Amino acid sequence: MPGVRDATGLSFPAVSSAMDVLVELGIARELTGKRRNRLFVYDRYLTILAEGT
């Protein structure tokens, strides 16, 4: 999440909380199952990218 933090200027706790909300809403999905260095995916975007492949 350092990339999001740097791009937005938000603090790490703010970015982490926002990502948790996106996961709860079903918008994003966490892939790693870890507490640190988590990786998130936006499934709708991946579906669009996968069309035609």
PDB file of N, CA and C in Angstrom:
ATOM      1  N   MET A   1       0.785  -1.191   0.000  1.00  0.00           N
ATOM      2  CA  MET A   1       0.000   0.000   0.000  1.00  0.00           C
ATOM      3  C   MET A   1       0.839   1.273   0.000  1.00  0.00           C
ATOM      4  N   PRO A   2       2.160   1.142   0.047  1.00  0.00           N
ATOM      5  CA  PRO A   2       2.961   2.361  -0.028  1.00  0.00           C
ATOM      6  C   PRO A   2       2.700   3.154  -1.311  1.00  0.00           C
ATOM      7  N   GLY A   3       2.421   2.471  -2.413  1.00  0.00           N
ATOM      8  CA  GLY A   3       2.129   3.164  -3.659  1.00  0.00           C
ATOM      9  C   GLY A   3       0.881   4.007  -3.556  1.00  0.00           C
ATOM     10  N   VAL A   4      -0.147   3.464  -2.925  1.00  0.00           N
ATOM     11  CA  VAL A   4      -1.394   4.215  -2.732  1.00  0.00           C
ATOM     12  C   VAL A   4      -1.146   5.374  -1.778  1.00  0.00           C
ATOM     13  N   ARG A   5      -0.409   5.107  -0.734  1.00  0.00           N
ATOM     14  CA  ARG A   5      -0.095   6.153   0.245  1.00  0.00           C
ATOM     15  C   ARG A   5       0.646   7.300  -0.433  1.00  0.00           C
ATOM     16  N   ASP A   6       1.646   6.976  -1.232  1.00  0.00           N
ATOM     17  CA  ASP A   6       2.431   8.009  -1.903  1.00  0.00           C
ATOM     18  C   ASP A   6       1.599   8.763  -2.940  1.00  0.00           C
ATOM     19  N   ALA A   7       0.764   8.057  -3.673  1.00  0.00           N
ATOM     20  CA  ALA A   7      -0.044   8.688  -4.720  1.00  0.00           C
ATOM     21  C   ALA A   7      -1.118   9.609  -4.147  1.00  0.00           C
ATOM     22  N   THR A   8      -1.644   9.258  -2.976  1.00  0.00           N
ATOM     23  CA  THR A   8      -2.747  10.030  -2.413  1.00  0.00           C
ATOM     24  C   THR A   8      -2.316  11.031  -1.349  1.00  0.00           C
ATOM     25  N   GLY A   9      -1.158  10.805  -0.757  1.00  0.00           N
ATOM     26  CA  GLY A   9      -0.716  11.663   0.329  1.00  0.00           C
ATOM     27  C   GLY A   9      -1.386  11.334   1.654  1.00  0.00           C
ATOM     28  N   LEU A  10      -2.147  10.239   1.685  1.00  0.00           N
ATOM     29  CA  LEU A  10      -2.814   9.811   2.911  1.00  0.00           C
ATOM     30  C   LEU A  10      -1.844   9.028   3.781  1.00  0.00           C
ATOM     31  N   SER A  11      -2.160   8.923   5.060  1.00  0.00           N
ATOM     32  CA  SER A  11      -1.332   8.136   5.973  1.00  0.00           C
ATOM     33  C   SER A  11      -1.575   6.648   5.730  1.00  0.00           C
ATOM     34  N   PHE A  12      -0.621   5.832   6.175  1.00  0.00           N
ATOM     35  CA  PHE A  12      -0.779   4.389   6.029  1.00  0.00           C
ATOM     36  C   PHE A  12      -2.052   3.888   6.721  1.00  0.00           C
ATOM     37  N   PRO A  13      -2.350   4.325   7.970  1.00  0.00           N
ATOM     38  CA  PRO A  13      -3.586   3.863   8.601  1.00  0.00           C
ATOM     39  C   PRO A  13      -4.843   4.248   7.805  1.00  0.00           C
ATOM     40  N   ALA A  14      -4.839   5.421   7.197  1.00  0.00           N
ATOM     41  CA  ALA A  14      -5.996   5.842   6.406  1.00  0.00           C
ATOM     42  C   ALA A  14      -6.158   4.963   5.175  1.00  0.00           C
ATOM     43  N   VAL A  15      -5.064   4.675   4.495  1.00  0.00           N
ATOM     44  CA  VAL A  15      -5.113   3.818   3.307  1.00  0.00           C
ATOM     45  C   VAL A  15      -5.542   2.410   3.696  1.00  0.00           C
ATOM     46  N   SER A  16      -5.003   1.901   4.788  1.00  0.00           N
ATOM     47  CA  SER A  16      -5.338   0.559   5.247  1.00  0.00           C
ATOM     48  C   SER A  16      -6.828   0.459   5.585  1.00  0.00           C
ATOM     49  N   SER A  17      -7.346   1.459   6.275  1.00  0.00           N
ATOM     50  CA  SER A  17      -8.775   1.470   6.623  1.00  0.00           C
ATOM     51  C   SER A  17      -9.643   1.547   5.372  1.00  0.00           C
ATOM     52  N   ALA A  18      -9.235   2.372   4.418  1.00  0.00           N
ATOM     53  CA  ALA A  18      -9.996   2.497   3.174  1.00  0.00           C
ATOM     54  C   ALA A  18     -10.015   1.178   2.414  1.00  0.00           C
ATOM     55  N   MET A  19      -8.880   0.492   2.365  1.00  0.00           N
ATOM     56  CA  MET A  19      -8.841  -0.799   1.677  1.00  0.00           C
ATOM     57  C   MET A  19      -9.705  -1.825   2.397  1.00  0.00           C
ATOM     58  N   ASP A  20      -9.724  -1.782   3.715  1.00  0.00           N
ATOM     59  CA  ASP A  20     -10.584  -2.692   4.471  1.00  0.00           C
ATOM     60  C   ASP A  20     -12.054  -2.456   4.134  1.00  0.00           C
ATOM     61  N   VAL A  21     -12.439  -1.205   3.973  1.00  0.00           N
ATOM     62  CA  VAL A  21     -13.817  -0.884   3.602  1.00  0.00           C
ATOM     63  C   VAL A  21     -14.123  -1.402   2.200  1.00  0.00           C
ATOM     64  N   LEU A  22     -13.200  -1.207   1.265  1.00  0.00           N
ATOM     65  CA  LEU A  22     -13.416  -1.704  -0.098  1.00  0.00           C
ATOM     66  C   LEU A  22     -13.567  -3.221  -0.123  1.00  0.00           C
ATOM     67  N   VAL A  23     -12.816  -3.903   0.715  1.00  0.00           N
ATOM     68  CA  VAL A  23     -12.943  -5.367   0.812  1.00  0.00           C
ATOM     69  C   VAL A  23     -14.307  -5.732   1.386  1.00  0.00           C
ATOM     70  N   GLU A  24     -14.718  -5.060   2.448  1.00  0.00           N
ATOM     71  CA  GLU A  24     -16.017  -5.335   3.074  1.00  0.00           C
ATOM     72  C   GLU A  24     -17.169  -5.105   2.096  1.00  0.00           C
ATOM     73  N   LEU A  25     -17.028  -4.118   1.230  1.00  0.00           N
ATOM     74  CA  LEU A  25     -18.074  -3.815   0.252  1.00  0.00           C
ATOM     75  C   LEU A  25     -18.026  -4.735  -0.965  1.00  0.00           C
ATOM     76  N   GLY A  26     -17.007  -5.573  -1.039  1.00  0.00           N
ATOM     77  CA  GLY A  26     -16.880  -6.491  -2.162  1.00  0.00           C
ATOM     78  C   GLY A  26     -16.306  -5.841  -3.407  1.00  0.00           C
ATOM     79  N   ILE A  27     -15.740  -4.668  -3.272  1.00  0.00           N
ATOM     80  CA  ILE A  27     -15.165  -3.956  -4.409  1.00  0.00           C
ATOM     81  C   ILE A  27     -13.747  -4.454  -4.687  1.00  0.00           C
ATOM     82  N   ALA A  28     -12.981  -4.660  -3.636  1.00  0.00           N
ATOM     83  CA  ALA A  28     -11.615  -5.163  -3.753  1.00  0.00           C
ATOM     84  C   ALA A  28     -11.522  -6.493  -3.024  1.00  0.00           C
ATOM     85  N   ARG A  29     -10.478  -7.240  -3.373  1.00  0.00           N
ATOM     86  CA  ARG A  29     -10.244  -8.530  -2.728  1.00  0.00           C
ATOM     87  C   ARG A  29      -8.765  -8.615  -2.390  1.00  0.00           C
ATOM     88  N   GLU A  30      -8.473  -9.061  -1.175  1.00  0.00           N
ATOM     89  CA  GLU A  30      -7.098  -9.207  -0.716  1.00  0.00           C
ATOM     90  C   GLU A  30      -6.609 -10.590  -1.126  1.00  0.00           C
ATOM     91  N   LEU A  31      -5.424 -10.662  -1.718  1.00  0.00           N
ATOM     92  CA  LEU A  31      -4.938 -11.921  -2.280  1.00  0.00           C
ATOM     93  C   LEU A  31      -3.980 -12.698  -1.394  1.00  0.00           C
ATOM     94  N   THR A  32      -3.241 -12.037  -0.521  1.00  0.00           N
ATOM     95  CA  THR A  32      -2.135 -12.699   0.158  1.00  0.00           C
ATOM     96  C   THR A  32      -2.522 -13.446   1.422  1.00  0.00           C
ATOM     97  N   GLY A  33      -3.562 -13.002   2.120  1.00  0.00           N
ATOM     98  CA  GLY A  33      -3.924 -13.613   3.389  1.00  0.00           C
ATOM     99  C   GLY A  33      -2.996 -13.200   4.523  1.00  0.00           C
ATOM    100  N   LYS A  34      -2.179 -12.199   4.271  1.00  0.00           N
ATOM    101  CA  LYS A  34      -1.220 -11.739   5.283  1.00  0.00           C
ATOM    102  C   LYS A  34      -1.733 -10.485   5.971  1.00  0.00           C
ATOM    103  N   ARG A  35      -1.099 -10.149   7.093  1.00  0.00           N
ATOM    104  CA  ARG A  35      -1.433  -8.905   7.791  1.00  0.00           C
ATOM    105  C   ARG A  35      -0.566  -7.755   7.282  1.00  0.00           C
ATOM    106  N   ARG A  36       0.597  -8.075   6.719  1.00  0.00           N
ATOM    107  CA  ARG A  36       1.513  -7.062   6.199  1.00  0.00           C
ATOM    108  C   ARG A  36       1.775  -7.345   4.726  1.00  0.00           C
ATOM    109  N   ASN A  37       2.166  -6.307   4.014  1.00  0.00           N
ATOM    110  CA  ASN A  37       2.498  -6.449   2.587  1.00  0.00           C
ATOM    111  C   ASN A  37       1.369  -7.093   1.797  1.00  0.00           C
ATOM    112  N   ARG A  38       0.159  -6.649   2.086  1.00  0.00           N
ATOM    113  CA  ARG A  38      -1.014  -7.217   1.419  1.00  0.00           C
ATOM    114  C   ARG A  38      -1.098  -6.732  -0.020  1.00  0.00           C
ATOM    115  N   LEU A  39      -1.691  -7.581  -0.851  1.00  0.00           N
ATOM    116  CA  LEU A  39      -1.910  -7.266  -2.253  1.00  0.00           C
ATOM    117  C   LEU A  39      -3.404  -7.359  -2.509  1.00  0.00           C
ATOM    118  N   PHE A  40      -3.952  -6.334  -3.155  1.00  0.00           N
ATOM    119  CA  PHE A  40      -5.384  -6.271  -3.422  1.00  0.00           C
ATOM    120  C   PHE A  40      -5.633  -6.300  -4.918  1.00  0.00           C
ATOM    121  N   VAL A  41      -6.823  -6.770  -5.280  1.00  0.00           N
ATOM    122  CA  VAL A  41      -7.213  -6.825  -6.681  1.00  0.00           C
ATOM    123  C   VAL A  41      -8.638  -6.305  -6.824  1.00  0.00           C
ATOM    124  N   TYR A  42      -8.889  -5.659  -7.947  1.00  0.00           N
ATOM    125  CA  TYR A  42     -10.221  -5.191  -8.310  1.00  0.00           C
ATOM    126  C   TYR A  42     -10.721  -6.155  -9.375  1.00  0.00           C
ATOM    127  N   ASP A  43     -11.573  -7.103  -8.989  1.00  0.00           N
ATOM    128  CA  ASP A  43     -11.978  -8.190  -9.869  1.00  0.00           C
ATOM    129  C   ASP A  43     -12.667  -7.727 -11.147  1.00  0.00           C
ATOM    130  N   ARG A  44     -13.475  -6.686 -11.087  1.00  0.00           N
ATOM    131  CA  ARG A  44     -14.154  -6.220 -12.300  1.00  0.00           C
ATOM    132  C   ARG A  44     -13.148  -5.760 -13.344  1.00  0.00           C
ATOM    133  N   TYR A  45     -12.099  -5.114 -12.901  1.00  0.00           N
ATOM    134  CA  TYR A  45     -11.049  -4.661 -13.813  1.00  0.00           C
ATOM    135  C   TYR A  45     -10.338  -5.862 -14.431  1.00  0.00           C
ATOM    136  N   LEU A  46     -10.039  -6.857 -13.624  1.00  0.00           N
ATOM    137  CA  LEU A  46      -9.385  -8.048 -14.143  1.00  0.00           C
ATOM    138  C   LEU A  46     -10.266  -8.772 -15.155  1.00  0.00           C
ATOM    139  N   THR A  47     -11.579  -8.782 -14.916  1.00  0.00           N
ATOM    140  CA  THR A  47     -12.507  -9.413 -15.844  1.00  0.00           C
ATOM    141  C   THR A  47     -12.468  -8.698 -17.191  1.00  0.00           C
ATOM    142  N   ILE A  48     -12.456  -7.372 -17.157  1.00  0.00           N
ATOM    143  CA  ILE A  48     -12.389  -6.587 -18.396  1.00  0.00           C
ATOM    144  C   ILE A  48     -11.092  -6.884 -19.133  1.00  0.00           C
ATOM    145  N   LEU A  49      -9.993  -6.935 -18.407  1.00  0.00           N
ATOM    146  CA  LEU A  49      -8.700  -7.216 -19.027  1.00  0.00           C
ATOM    147  C   LEU A  49      -8.643  -8.617 -19.629  1.00  0.00           C
ATOM    148  N   ALA A  50      -9.335  -9.565 -19.021  1.00  0.00           N
ATOM    149  CA  ALA A  50      -9.286 -10.947 -19.466  1.00  0.00           C
ATOM    150  C   ALA A  50     -10.207 -11.213 -20.658  1.00  0.00           C
ATOM    151  N   GLU A  51     -11.124 -10.309 -20.967  1.00  0.00           N
ATOM    152  CA  GLU A  51     -12.030 -10.523 -22.093  1.00  0.00           C
ATOM    153  C   GLU A  51     -11.216 -10.635 -23.380  1.00  0.00           C
ATOM    154  N   GLY A  52     -11.556 -11.657 -24.149  1.00  0.00           N
ATOM    155  CA  GLY A  52     -10.907 -11.839 -25.433  1.00  0.00           C
ATOM    156  C   GLY A  52      -9.549 -12.510 -25.366  1.00  0.00           C
ATOM    157  N   THR A  53      -9.165 -12.981 -24.183  1.00  0.00           N
ATOM    158  CA  THR A  53      -7.867 -13.659 -24.111  1.00  0.00           C
ATOM    159  C   THR A  53      -8.077 -15.143 -23.977  1.00  0.00           C
TER     160      THR A  53
END
